[in-house]
C-alpha atoms as a PDB file:
ATOM      1  CA  MET A   1      91.519-103.461 -18.933  1.00  0.00           C
ATOM      2  CA  THR A   2      91.106-100.073 -17.368  1.00  0.00           C
ATOM      3  CA  THR A   3      94.647-100.176 -16.383  1.00  0.00           C
ATOM      4  CA  LEU A   4      95.756-100.512 -19.590  1.00  0.00           C
ATOM      5  CA  ALA A   5      93.654 -97.924 -20.751  1.00  0.00           C
ATOM      6  CA  SER A   6      94.728 -95.569 -18.240  1.00  0.00           C
ATOM      7  CA  LEU A   7      98.398 -96.212 -18.973  1.00  0.00           C
ATOM      8  CA  ALA A   8      97.792 -95.429 -22.703  1.00  0.00           C
ATOM      9  CA  ARG A   9      96.690 -91.995 -21.996  1.00  0.00           C
ATOM     10  CA  VAL A  10      99.584 -89.568 -22.197  1.00  0.00           C
ATOM     11  CA  PRO A  11      99.172 -85.865 -21.032  1.00  0.00           C
ATOM     12  CA  GLN A  12      98.697 -83.601 -23.773  1.00  0.00           C
ATOM     13  CA  ASP A  13     100.198 -80.317 -24.274  1.00  0.00           C
ATOM     14  CA  VAL A  14      97.910 -77.344 -23.723  1.00  0.00           C
ATOM     15  CA  LEU A  15      97.632 -74.259 -25.772  1.00  0.00           C
ATOM     16  CA  LEU A  16      97.604 -70.990 -23.805  1.00  0.00           C
ATOM     17  CA  GLU A  17      94.665 -69.251 -24.830  1.00  0.00           C
ATOM     18  CA  LEU A  18      94.973 -65.616 -25.004  1.00  0.00           C
ATOM     19  CA  PRO A  19      92.492 -63.160 -23.682  1.00  0.00           C
ATOM     20  CA  GLU A  20      89.887 -61.862 -26.432  1.00  0.00           C
ATOM     21  CA  GLY A  21      91.254 -58.832 -28.243  1.00  0.00           C
ATOM     22  CA  MET A  22      94.658 -59.444 -28.131  1.00  0.00           C
ATOM     23  CA  THR A  23      96.584 -59.366 -31.249  1.00  0.00           C
ATOM     24  CA  THR A  24      99.836 -61.479 -31.940  1.00  0.00           C
ATOM     25  CA  PRO A  25     101.798 -59.934 -35.111  1.00  0.00           C
ATOM     26  CA  LEU A  26     104.906 -61.588 -33.901  1.00  0.00           C
ATOM     27  CA  GLY A  27     103.414 -65.042 -32.924  1.00  0.00           C
ATOM     28  CA  CYS A  28     103.690 -66.630 -29.600  1.00  0.00           C
ATOM     29  CA  ASP A  29     105.803 -68.632 -27.412  1.00  0.00           C
ATOM     30  CA  ALA A  30     105.758 -68.981 -23.756  1.00  0.00           C
ATOM     31  CA  VAL A  31     108.747 -69.333 -20.949  1.00  0.00           C
ATOM     32  CA  GLY A  32     107.709 -71.263 -17.947  1.00  0.00           C
ATOM     33  CA  MET A  33     109.063 -70.895 -14.240  1.00  0.00           C
ATOM     34  CA  PRO A  34     108.554 -72.273 -10.978  1.00  0.00           C
ATOM     35  CA  GLU A  35     105.896 -70.048  -9.080  1.00  0.00           C
ATOM     36  CA  GLU A  36     108.621 -68.612  -6.727  1.00  0.00           C
ATOM     37  CA  TYR A  37     110.494 -67.294  -9.594  1.00  0.00           C
ATOM     38  CA  GLY A  38     107.456 -65.915 -11.282  1.00  0.00           C
ATOM     39  CA  ARG A  39     106.545 -63.909  -8.337  1.00  0.00           C
ATOM     40  CA  GLN A  40     109.782 -62.376  -8.068  1.00  0.00           C
ATOM     41  CA  VAL A  41     110.079 -61.492 -11.905  1.00  0.00           C
ATOM     42  CA  ARG A  42     106.610 -60.079 -11.960  1.00  0.00           C
ATOM     43  CA  ALA A  43     107.630 -57.730  -8.958  1.00  0.00           C
ATOM     44  CA  ARG A  44     110.933 -56.729 -11.047  1.00  0.00           C
ATOM     45  CA  LEU A  45     109.622 -56.034 -14.283  1.00  0.00           C
ATOM     46  CA  PRO A  46     108.181 -52.854 -15.393  1.00  0.00           C
ATOM     47  CA  ARG A  47     106.066 -54.314 -18.198  1.00  0.00           C
ATOM     48  CA  THR A  48     104.674 -57.585 -18.003  1.00  0.00           C
ATOM     49  CA  GLY A  49     102.494 -59.340 -20.919  1.00  0.00           C
ATOM     50  CA  CYS A  50     100.020 -62.101 -20.278  1.00  0.00           C
ATOM     51  CA  VAL A  51     100.870 -64.524 -17.533  1.00  0.00           C
ATOM     52  CA  TYR A  52      99.340 -67.945 -16.733  1.00  0.00           C
ATOM     53  CA  ALA A  53      99.625 -70.263 -13.723  1.00  0.00           C
ATOM     54  CA  ASP A  54      99.087 -74.115 -13.765  1.00  0.00           C
ATOM     55  CA  GLY A  55      99.724 -74.660 -10.016  1.00  0.00           C
ATOM     56  CA  ALA A  56     103.688 -75.147  -9.771  1.00  0.00           C
ATOM     57  CA  ARG A  57     104.582 -73.093 -12.850  1.00  0.00           C
ATOM     58  CA  TRP A  58     104.108 -69.777 -14.427  1.00  0.00           C
ATOM     59  CA  TRP A  59     104.090 -69.132 -18.163  1.00  0.00           C
ATOM     60  CA  TRP A  60     104.802 -65.719 -19.745  1.00  0.00           C
ATOM     61  CA  ILE A  61     103.877 -65.117 -23.341  1.00  0.00           C
ATOM     62  CA  VAL A  62     106.719 -63.605 -25.303  1.00  0.00           C
ATOM     63  CA  PRO A  63     107.139 -63.367 -29.075  1.00  0.00           C
ATOM     64  CA  SER A  64     107.957 -66.292 -31.360  1.00  0.00           C
ATOM     65  CA  GLY A  65     111.774 -66.985 -31.668  1.00  0.00           C
ATOM     66  CA  SER A  66     112.595 -65.654 -28.236  1.00  0.00           C
ATOM     67  CA  SER A  67     114.980 -68.705 -27.840  1.00  0.00           C
ATOM     68  CA  VAL A  68     117.207 -67.473 -30.786  1.00  0.00           C
ATOM     69  CA  SER A  69     120.561 -66.487 -29.274  1.00  0.00           C
ATOM     70  CA  LEU A  70     119.266 -67.220 -25.581  1.00  0.00           C
ATOM     71  CA  ASP A  71     119.951 -69.770 -23.167  1.00  0.00           C
ATOM     72  CA  TRP A  72     117.156 -69.761 -20.863  1.00  0.00           C
ATOM     73  CA  PRO A  73     118.205 -71.088 -17.309  1.00  0.00           C
ATOM     74  CA  VAL A  74     117.453 -74.025 -15.691  1.00  0.00           C
ATOM     75  CA  PRO A  75     114.574 -74.635 -14.347  1.00  0.00           C
ATOM     76  CA  LEU A  76     112.775 -72.512 -16.939  1.00  0.00           C
ATOM     77  CA  ARG A  77     111.166 -74.410 -19.765  1.00  0.00           C
ATOM     78  CA  TYR A  78     110.480 -72.964 -23.308  1.00  0.00           C
ATOM     79  CA  ALA A  79     107.332 -73.488 -25.202  1.00  0.00           C
ATOM     80  CA  THR A  80     107.255 -72.791 -28.844  1.00  0.00           C
ATOM     81  CA  GLY A  81     103.857 -71.937 -30.033  1.00  0.00           C
ATOM     82  CA  ALA A  82     102.676 -71.414 -26.281  1.00  0.00           C
ATOM     83  CA  ARG A  83     102.018 -74.894 -26.082  1.00  0.00           C
ATOM     84  CA  VAL A  84     102.881 -75.944 -22.534  1.00  0.00           C
ATOM     85  CA  PRO A  85     103.132 -79.413 -20.858  1.00  0.00           C
ATOM     86  CA  ALA A  86      99.627 -80.166 -19.137  1.00  0.00           C
ATOM     87  CA  GLY A  87     100.257 -79.349 -15.401  1.00  0.00           C
ATOM     88  CA  PRO A  88      98.353 -80.312 -12.252  1.00  0.00           C
ATOM     89  CA  SER A  89      95.520 -78.040 -13.298  1.00  0.00           C
ATOM     90  CA  ALA A  90      94.544 -75.989 -16.321  1.00  0.00           C
ATOM     91  CA  PRO A  91      96.446 -72.940 -16.997  1.00  0.00           C
ATOM     92  CA  ARG A  92      94.710 -69.684 -15.844  1.00  0.00           C
ATOM     93  CA  LEU A  93      95.346 -66.343 -16.891  1.00  0.00           C
ATOM     94  CA  VAL A  94      96.893 -64.208 -13.650  1.00  0.00           C
ATOM     95  CA  HIS A  95      98.044 -61.166 -15.479  1.00  0.00           C
ATOM     96  CA  ARG A  96      96.657 -59.439 -18.358  1.00  0.00           C
ATOM     97  CA  PRO A  97      98.336 -56.270 -19.693  1.00  0.00           C
ATOM     98  CA  GLU A  98      96.455 -53.178 -20.818  1.00  0.00           C
ATOM     99  CA  GLY A  99      96.453 -52.962 -24.549  1.00  0.00           C
ATOM    100  CA  THR A 100      96.450 -55.512 -27.245  1.00  0.00           C
ATOM    101  CA  ALA A 101      99.914 -56.737 -26.869  1.00  0.00           C
ATOM    102  CA  PRO A 102     100.171 -59.883 -24.957  1.00  0.00           C
ATOM    103  CA  TYR A 103     103.826 -59.950 -24.749  1.00  0.00           C
ATOM    104  CA  THR A 104     106.699 -59.419 -22.120  1.00  0.00           C
ATOM    105  CA  PRO A 105     109.729 -58.472 -23.528  1.00  0.00           C
ATOM    106  CA  PRO A 106     112.049 -61.176 -23.731  1.00  0.00           C
ATOM    107  CA  ILE A 107     115.509 -59.514 -22.922  1.00  0.00           C
ATOM    108  CA  PRO A 108     114.399 -57.888 -19.772  1.00  0.00           C
ATOM    109  CA  LEU A 109     112.596 -61.394 -18.743  1.00  0.00           C
ATOM    110  CA  TYR A 110     115.760 -63.187 -19.625  1.00  0.00           C
ATOM    111  CA  LEU A 111     118.205 -60.836 -17.799  1.00  0.00           C
ATOM    112  CA  THR A 112     115.771 -60.910 -14.761  1.00  0.00           C
ATOM    113  CA  VAL A 113     115.568 -64.837 -14.495  1.00  0.00           C
ATOM    114  CA  CYS A 114     119.360 -64.729 -14.949  1.00  0.00           C
ATOM    115  CA  ARG A 115     119.653 -62.711 -12.051  1.00  0.00           C
ATOM    116  CA  ILE A 116     117.441 -64.934 -10.088  1.00  0.00           C
ATOM    117  CA  THR A 117     118.938 -68.115 -10.859  1.00  0.00           C
ATOM    118  CA  GLY A 118     122.296 -66.791 -10.473  1.00  0.00           C
ATOM    119  CA  THR A 119     123.015 -67.738 -14.078  1.00  0.00           C
ATOM    120  CA  VAL A 120     125.662 -65.643 -16.257  1.00  0.00           C
ATOM    121  CA  PRO A 121     123.532 -64.289 -19.497  1.00  0.00           C
ATOM    122  CA  LEU A 122     124.852 -66.315 -22.550  1.00  0.00           C
ATOM    123  CA  TRP A 123     126.602 -63.027 -24.197  1.00  0.00           C
ATOM    124  CA  MET A 124     128.531 -62.555 -21.124  1.00  0.00           C
ATOM    125  CA  ARG A 125     129.961 -65.941 -21.047  1.00  0.00           C
ATOM    126  CA  THR A 126     131.160 -65.709 -24.451  1.00  0.00           C
ATOM    127  CA  THR A 127     132.746 -62.469 -23.750  1.00  0.00           C
ATOM    128  CA  GLU A 128     134.231 -63.595 -20.855  1.00  0.00           C
ATOM    129  CA  ARG A 129     135.704 -66.778 -22.740  1.00  0.00           C
ATOM    130  CA  THR A 130     137.010 -64.474 -25.421  1.00  0.00           C
ATOM    131  CA  ALA A 131     138.820 -62.166 -22.975  1.00  0.00           C
ATOM    132  CA  ALA A 132     140.261 -64.989 -21.137  1.00  0.00           C
ATOM    133  CA  ALA A 133     141.490 -66.385 -24.358  1.00  0.00           C
ATOM    134  CA  SER A 134     143.000 -63.055 -25.479  1.00  0.00           C
ATOM    135  CA  ARG A 135     144.738 -62.695 -21.889  1.00  0.00           C
ATOM    136  CA  THR A 136     146.339 -66.097 -22.585  1.00  0.00           C
ATOM    137  CA  THR A 137     147.288 -65.520 -25.748  1.00  0.00           C
ATOM    138  CA  ARG A 138     149.310 -62.322 -25.005  1.00  0.00           C
ATOM    139  CA  ARG A 139     151.344 -64.037 -22.273  1.00  0.00           C
END
């Protein structure tokens, strides 16, 4: 019976709790990445918002809707509402910005992780396809 009960338990998503005093007029989502990428990103960005770690993954708070028109590269995960999958340990805050805004600007974050993962940003892929099609048409 104990085995059946443990099989029925499914890990729940965890809400990343923002530090007291933070304001979220733009709502909150989160972008998760392997810790190795997180350390590289943190060293490259001039402005970083709240960052959480849950063991193997780091989570960056971004404004809601930061997935619109952005194709976050693999192995990143996008978590709407800053609800993240339960990890090996409870998420802990590893960086708190000065001021009351918890956000990391999504475009610099996106460009940085594209560079780290070797991914061409979405709008450049579209531009490259358009330019290639134009060259083919002119021939």
